[in-house]
Amino acid sequence: MLVMIDKDGVADVYDDTYDIVIHCESEEDQKDAELALKNVRRWIPVTERLPELGEYVLISFSNFTLPCIGRYDEDEKGGAWFNGDETESLVSQDMYVNAWMPLPKPYMAEMEEN
């Protein structure tokens, strides 16, 4: 049990039931861990960063309610978002991507061990 004392000198019991502790060997490891935790299964605004070129990701739209799987690619004209393997950009279809997230790894049934 941990007792915390606030700035006014009032003591309270701190419940650490749901705390997670990550031990890091260096400041660099700590920064890597913080970044990994920030990026776990969350929507990443396109204003924050874009996915790797050609990487399939789940994309969200500012003007459409359902997400879809698509990719961001660049050519000599610049960058654009595409739905799946389509060659027509989403913006040309009046669909505006506002965020994306990495796809989960594909499901693989566990193999029986003999």
N, C-alpha and C. Protein backbone atom coordinates (compact mmCIF):
# COMPACT_ATOMS: atom_id res chain seq x y z
N MET A 1 0.85 -1.17 0.00
CA MET A 1 0.00 0.00 0.00
C MET A 1 0.90 1.23 0.00
N LEU A 2 0.50 2.22 -0.76
CA LEU A 2 1.26 3.45 -0.88
C LEU A 2 0.38 4.60 -0.40
N VAL A 3 0.91 5.42 0.47
CA VAL A 3 0.18 6.58 0.95
C VAL A 3 0.76 7.82 0.28
N MET A 4 -0.11 8.60 -0.33
CA MET A 4 0.30 9.82 -1.02
C MET A 4 -0.13 11.02 -0.19
N ILE A 5 0.70 12.03 -0.18
CA ILE A 5 0.36 13.28 0.52
C ILE A 5 0.35 14.38 -0.53
N ASP A 6 -0.81 15.05 -0.66
CA ASP A 6 -0.93 16.09 -1.68
C ASP A 6 -0.28 17.39 -1.21
N LYS A 7 -0.33 18.42 -2.07
CA LYS A 7 0.34 19.69 -1.76
C LYS A 7 -0.23 20.39 -0.54
N ASP A 8 -1.47 20.03 -0.13
CA ASP A 8 -2.08 20.63 1.06
C ASP A 8 -1.81 19.82 2.32
N GLY A 9 -1.03 18.73 2.17
CA GLY A 9 -0.68 17.92 3.32
C GLY A 9 -1.71 16.86 3.66
N VAL A 10 -2.67 16.64 2.78
CA VAL A 10 -3.72 15.65 3.01
C VAL A 10 -3.24 14.30 2.48
N ALA A 11 -3.31 13.29 3.35
CA ALA A 11 -2.86 11.95 2.98
C ALA A 11 -4.02 11.16 2.40
N ASP A 12 -3.70 10.31 1.43
CA ASP A 12 -4.69 9.44 0.81
C ASP A 12 -3.99 8.16 0.39
N VAL A 13 -4.70 7.06 0.40
CA VAL A 13 -4.14 5.78 -0.02
C VAL A 13 -4.17 5.72 -1.54
N TYR A 14 -3.03 5.36 -2.12
CA TYR A 14 -2.93 5.23 -3.58
C TYR A 14 -3.15 3.78 -3.96
N ASP A 15 -4.12 3.54 -4.82
CA ASP A 15 -4.43 2.19 -5.28
C ASP A 15 -3.62 1.92 -6.55
N ASP A 16 -2.66 1.01 -6.45
CA ASP A 16 -1.80 0.70 -7.60
C ASP A 16 -2.24 -0.57 -8.33
N THR A 17 -3.48 -0.99 -8.15
CA THR A 17 -3.98 -2.23 -8.74
C THR A 17 -3.78 -2.26 -10.25
N TYR A 18 -4.02 -1.16 -10.93
CA TYR A 18 -3.96 -1.15 -12.39
C TYR A 18 -2.71 -0.48 -12.95
N ASP A 19 -1.72 -0.27 -12.14
CA ASP A 19 -0.47 0.33 -12.61
C ASP A 19 0.35 -0.68 -13.41
N ILE A 20 1.11 -0.16 -14.34
CA ILE A 20 2.05 -0.97 -15.11
C ILE A 20 3.42 -0.32 -14.95
N VAL A 21 4.41 -1.12 -14.65
CA VAL A 21 5.77 -0.61 -14.49
C VAL A 21 6.64 -1.22 -15.60
N ILE A 22 7.35 -0.36 -16.29
CA ILE A 22 8.27 -0.81 -17.33
C ILE A 22 9.67 -0.37 -16.94
N HIS A 23 10.57 -1.32 -16.79
CA HIS A 23 11.95 -0.99 -16.43
C HIS A 23 12.75 -0.82 -17.72
N CYS A 24 13.44 0.29 -17.83
CA CYS A 24 14.26 0.57 -19.01
C CYS A 24 15.72 0.68 -18.59
N GLU A 25 16.59 0.20 -19.46
CA GLU A 25 18.02 0.22 -19.18
C GLU A 25 18.66 1.56 -19.49
N SER A 26 17.98 2.38 -20.32
CA SER A 26 18.56 3.66 -20.71
C SER A 26 17.45 4.65 -21.03
N GLU A 27 17.83 5.91 -21.17
CA GLU A 27 16.87 6.95 -21.54
C GLU A 27 16.31 6.68 -22.93
N GLU A 28 17.16 6.16 -23.82
CA GLU A 28 16.70 5.83 -25.17
C GLU A 28 15.64 4.72 -25.13
N ASP A 29 15.86 3.69 -24.30
CA ASP A 29 14.87 2.63 -24.14
C ASP A 29 13.56 3.19 -23.60
N GLN A 30 13.67 4.14 -22.68
CA GLN A 30 12.48 4.75 -22.09
C GLN A 30 11.69 5.52 -23.16
N LYS A 31 12.38 6.27 -24.00
CA LYS A 31 11.71 7.01 -25.08
C LYS A 31 11.06 6.06 -26.07
N ASP A 32 11.76 4.95 -26.40
CA ASP A 32 11.18 3.95 -27.29
C ASP A 32 9.92 3.34 -26.69
N ALA A 33 9.95 3.04 -25.39
CA ALA A 33 8.79 2.47 -24.71
C ALA A 33 7.63 3.46 -24.69
N GLU A 34 7.92 4.72 -24.42
CA GLU A 34 6.87 5.75 -24.42
C GLU A 34 6.23 5.88 -25.80
N LEU A 35 7.04 5.87 -26.84
CA LEU A 35 6.53 5.98 -28.20
C LEU A 35 5.67 4.76 -28.55
N ALA A 36 6.13 3.58 -28.17
CA ALA A 36 5.36 2.37 -28.44
C ALA A 36 4.01 2.40 -27.75
N LEU A 37 3.98 2.86 -26.50
CA LEU A 37 2.72 2.94 -25.77
C LEU A 37 1.78 3.97 -26.39
N LYS A 38 2.32 5.08 -26.86
CA LYS A 38 1.50 6.12 -27.47
C LYS A 38 0.89 5.64 -28.78
N ASN A 39 1.59 4.76 -29.49
CA ASN A 39 1.15 4.35 -30.81
C ASN A 39 0.39 3.04 -30.84
N VAL A 40 0.12 2.46 -29.69
CA VAL A 40 -0.59 1.19 -29.67
C VAL A 40 -2.06 1.42 -29.98
N ARG A 41 -2.51 0.86 -31.09
CA ARG A 41 -3.91 0.84 -31.46
C ARG A 41 -4.64 2.15 -31.24
N ARG A 42 -4.12 3.19 -31.80
CA ARG A 42 -4.82 4.47 -31.74
C ARG A 42 -4.83 5.08 -33.12
N TRP A 43 -5.80 5.93 -33.35
CA TRP A 43 -5.86 6.66 -34.61
C TRP A 43 -4.74 7.67 -34.63
N ILE A 44 -4.02 7.74 -35.72
CA ILE A 44 -2.92 8.69 -35.89
C ILE A 44 -3.39 9.75 -36.88
N PRO A 45 -3.53 11.00 -36.42
CA PRO A 45 -3.97 12.04 -37.35
C PRO A 45 -2.97 12.21 -38.49
N VAL A 46 -3.48 12.47 -39.71
CA VAL A 46 -2.59 12.64 -40.85
C VAL A 46 -1.74 13.89 -40.69
N THR A 47 -2.16 14.81 -39.83
CA THR A 47 -1.37 16.00 -39.56
C THR A 47 -0.17 15.69 -38.67
N GLU A 48 -0.23 14.54 -37.97
CA GLU A 48 0.87 14.12 -37.08
C GLU A 48 1.95 13.40 -37.87
N ARG A 49 1.53 12.42 -38.67
CA ARG A 49 2.46 11.70 -39.53
C ARG A 49 1.68 10.81 -40.47
N LEU A 50 2.36 10.36 -41.52
CA LEU A 50 1.77 9.47 -42.52
C LEU A 50 2.39 8.09 -42.41
N PRO A 51 1.69 7.05 -42.88
CA PRO A 51 2.28 5.71 -42.85
C PRO A 51 3.39 5.59 -43.89
N GLU A 52 4.11 4.50 -43.85
CA GLU A 52 5.11 4.21 -44.88
C GLU A 52 4.40 4.16 -46.23
N LEU A 53 5.06 4.62 -47.26
CA LEU A 53 4.47 4.61 -48.61
C LEU A 53 4.05 3.19 -49.00
N GLY A 54 2.82 3.07 -49.50
CA GLY A 54 2.32 1.79 -49.96
C GLY A 54 1.86 0.83 -48.88
N GLU A 55 2.04 1.18 -47.62
CA GLU A 55 1.63 0.30 -46.51
C GLU A 55 0.11 0.33 -46.38
N TYR A 56 -0.51 -0.83 -46.30
CA TYR A 56 -1.96 -0.90 -46.10
C TYR A 56 -2.28 -0.62 -44.64
N VAL A 57 -3.21 0.30 -44.42
CA VAL A 57 -3.60 0.72 -43.08
C VAL A 57 -5.12 0.90 -43.03
N LEU A 58 -5.65 0.98 -41.83
CA LEU A 58 -7.05 1.31 -41.65
C LEU A 58 -7.16 2.83 -41.70
N ILE A 59 -8.06 3.35 -42.53
CA ILE A 59 -8.16 4.80 -42.67
C ILE A 59 -9.54 5.30 -42.26
N SER A 60 -9.55 6.48 -41.67
CA SER A 60 -10.75 7.14 -41.20
C SER A 60 -10.97 8.39 -42.04
N PHE A 61 -12.21 8.80 -42.16
CA PHE A 61 -12.54 9.95 -42.99
C PHE A 61 -13.23 11.05 -42.18
N SER A 62 -13.01 12.29 -42.58
CA SER A 62 -13.68 13.40 -41.93
C SER A 62 -15.12 13.54 -42.43
N ASN A 63 -15.43 12.94 -43.57
CA ASN A 63 -16.76 13.12 -44.15
C ASN A 63 -17.45 11.80 -44.51
N PHE A 64 -17.04 10.71 -43.87
CA PHE A 64 -17.65 9.41 -44.13
C PHE A 64 -17.54 8.60 -42.85
N THR A 65 -18.59 7.86 -42.49
CA THR A 65 -18.62 7.23 -41.17
C THR A 65 -17.89 5.90 -41.05
N LEU A 66 -17.71 5.17 -42.14
CA LEU A 66 -17.07 3.86 -42.06
C LEU A 66 -15.59 3.93 -42.43
N PRO A 67 -14.72 3.33 -41.64
CA PRO A 67 -13.31 3.27 -42.04
C PRO A 67 -13.14 2.22 -43.13
N CYS A 68 -12.00 2.26 -43.80
CA CYS A 68 -11.70 1.24 -44.81
C CYS A 68 -10.19 0.98 -44.80
N ILE A 69 -9.81 -0.04 -45.53
CA ILE A 69 -8.39 -0.36 -45.67
C ILE A 69 -7.88 0.31 -46.93
N GLY A 70 -6.81 1.04 -46.79
CA GLY A 70 -6.25 1.75 -47.92
C GLY A 70 -4.77 1.97 -47.74
N ARG A 71 -4.23 2.85 -48.56
CA ARG A 71 -2.78 3.12 -48.51
C ARG A 71 -2.53 4.56 -48.93
N TYR A 72 -1.35 5.05 -48.54
CA TYR A 72 -0.89 6.37 -48.96
C TYR A 72 0.28 6.15 -49.90
N ASP A 73 0.24 6.76 -51.07
CA ASP A 73 1.33 6.63 -52.04
C ASP A 73 1.67 7.99 -52.62
N GLU A 74 2.86 8.10 -53.14
CA GLU A 74 3.30 9.34 -53.78
C GLU A 74 3.76 9.05 -55.20
N ASP A 75 3.59 10.05 -56.06
CA ASP A 75 4.14 9.99 -57.40
C ASP A 75 4.72 11.37 -57.72
N GLU A 76 4.99 11.65 -58.98
CA GLU A 76 5.59 12.94 -59.34
C GLU A 76 4.68 14.13 -59.02
N LYS A 77 3.38 13.88 -58.87
CA LYS A 77 2.43 14.95 -58.54
C LYS A 77 2.29 15.18 -57.05
N GLY A 78 2.79 14.28 -56.24
CA GLY A 78 2.66 14.40 -54.79
C GLY A 78 2.04 13.16 -54.19
N GLY A 79 1.49 13.31 -52.99
CA GLY A 79 0.93 12.17 -52.28
C GLY A 79 -0.58 12.14 -52.34
N ALA A 80 -1.13 10.94 -52.21
CA ALA A 80 -2.57 10.76 -52.21
C ALA A 80 -2.94 9.46 -51.49
N TRP A 81 -4.16 9.42 -50.98
CA TRP A 81 -4.72 8.24 -50.34
C TRP A 81 -5.53 7.45 -51.36
N PHE A 82 -5.45 6.13 -51.26
CA PHE A 82 -6.17 5.24 -52.17
C PHE A 82 -6.89 4.17 -51.36
N ASN A 83 -8.06 3.77 -51.82
CA ASN A 83 -8.82 2.69 -51.21
C ASN A 83 -8.28 1.37 -51.74
N GLY A 84 -7.80 0.51 -50.86
CA GLY A 84 -7.28 -0.80 -51.27
C GLY A 84 -6.26 -0.70 -52.38
N ASP A 85 -6.48 -1.44 -53.47
CA ASP A 85 -5.57 -1.44 -54.62
C ASP A 85 -6.03 -0.50 -55.73
N GLU A 86 -7.03 0.33 -55.45
CA GLU A 86 -7.57 1.24 -56.46
C GLU A 86 -6.48 2.21 -56.94
N THR A 87 -6.65 2.72 -58.14
CA THR A 87 -5.71 3.69 -58.70
C THR A 87 -6.27 5.11 -58.70
N GLU A 88 -7.57 5.24 -58.42
CA GLU A 88 -8.19 6.56 -58.33
C GLU A 88 -8.11 7.03 -56.88
N SER A 89 -7.60 8.23 -56.67
CA SER A 89 -7.41 8.72 -55.30
C SER A 89 -8.74 8.92 -54.59
N LEU A 90 -8.72 8.82 -53.28
CA LEU A 90 -9.93 9.03 -52.50
C LEU A 90 -10.41 10.48 -52.57
N VAL A 91 -9.48 11.43 -52.62
CA VAL A 91 -9.89 12.83 -52.69
C VAL A 91 -10.63 13.11 -53.99
N SER A 92 -10.30 12.39 -55.07
CA SER A 92 -11.02 12.59 -56.33
C SER A 92 -12.46 12.06 -56.23
N GLN A 93 -12.73 11.26 -55.19
CA GLN A 93 -14.08 10.74 -54.91
C GLN A 93 -14.74 11.52 -53.77
N ASP A 94 -14.15 12.69 -53.45
CA ASP A 94 -14.65 13.54 -52.35
C ASP A 94 -14.65 12.84 -51.00
N MET A 95 -13.64 11.99 -50.75
CA MET A 95 -13.47 11.34 -49.46
C MET A 95 -12.14 11.83 -48.89
N TYR A 96 -12.20 12.36 -47.67
CA TYR A 96 -11.04 13.03 -47.08
C TYR A 96 -10.55 12.28 -45.85
N VAL A 97 -9.34 11.76 -45.93
CA VAL A 97 -8.74 10.99 -44.84
C VAL A 97 -8.26 11.96 -43.76
N ASN A 98 -8.67 11.68 -42.52
CA ASN A 98 -8.22 12.51 -41.41
C ASN A 98 -7.32 11.76 -40.42
N ALA A 99 -7.33 10.42 -40.47
CA ALA A 99 -6.50 9.64 -39.55
C ALA A 99 -6.34 8.22 -40.08
N TRP A 100 -5.37 7.51 -39.52
CA TRP A 100 -5.10 6.13 -39.92
C TRP A 100 -4.56 5.37 -38.73
N MET A 101 -4.57 4.04 -38.83
CA MET A 101 -3.94 3.20 -37.81
C MET A 101 -3.41 1.93 -38.48
N PRO A 102 -2.32 1.39 -37.94
CA PRO A 102 -1.78 0.15 -38.52
C PRO A 102 -2.81 -0.98 -38.43
N LEU A 103 -2.75 -1.88 -39.39
CA LEU A 103 -3.61 -3.05 -39.36
C LEU A 103 -3.06 -4.06 -38.35
N PRO A 104 -3.92 -4.82 -37.72
CA PRO A 104 -3.41 -5.89 -36.85
C PRO A 104 -2.76 -6.96 -37.70
N LYS A 105 -1.94 -7.78 -37.07
CA LYS A 105 -1.34 -8.90 -37.79
C LYS A 105 -2.45 -9.88 -38.17
N PRO A 106 -2.33 -10.53 -39.33
CA PRO A 106 -3.37 -11.50 -39.74
C PRO A 106 -3.49 -12.64 -38.74
N TYR A 107 -4.70 -13.16 -38.60
CA TYR A 107 -4.95 -14.28 -37.71
C TYR A 107 -4.26 -15.53 -38.24
N MET A 108 -3.65 -16.26 -37.34
CA MET A 108 -3.06 -17.56 -37.69
C MET A 108 -3.44 -18.53 -36.58
N ALA A 109 -4.12 -19.61 -36.95
CA ALA A 109 -4.52 -20.61 -35.96
C ALA A 109 -3.27 -21.18 -35.32
N GLU A 110 -3.39 -21.44 -34.03
CA GLU A 110 -2.27 -22.06 -33.34
C GLU A 110 -2.06 -23.47 -33.84
N MET A 111 -0.81 -23.80 -34.07
CA MET A 111 -0.49 -25.14 -34.57
C MET A 111 -0.47 -26.11 -33.40
N GLU A 112 -1.03 -27.31 -33.61
CA GLU A 112 -0.95 -28.33 -32.57
C GLU A 112 0.45 -28.87 -32.50
N GLU A 113 0.95 -28.98 -31.28
CA GLU A 113 2.28 -29.55 -31.12
C GLU A 113 2.15 -31.04 -30.82
N ASN A 114 2.97 -31.85 -31.51
CA ASN A 114 2.93 -33.30 -31.30
C ASN A 114 3.86 -33.71 -30.21
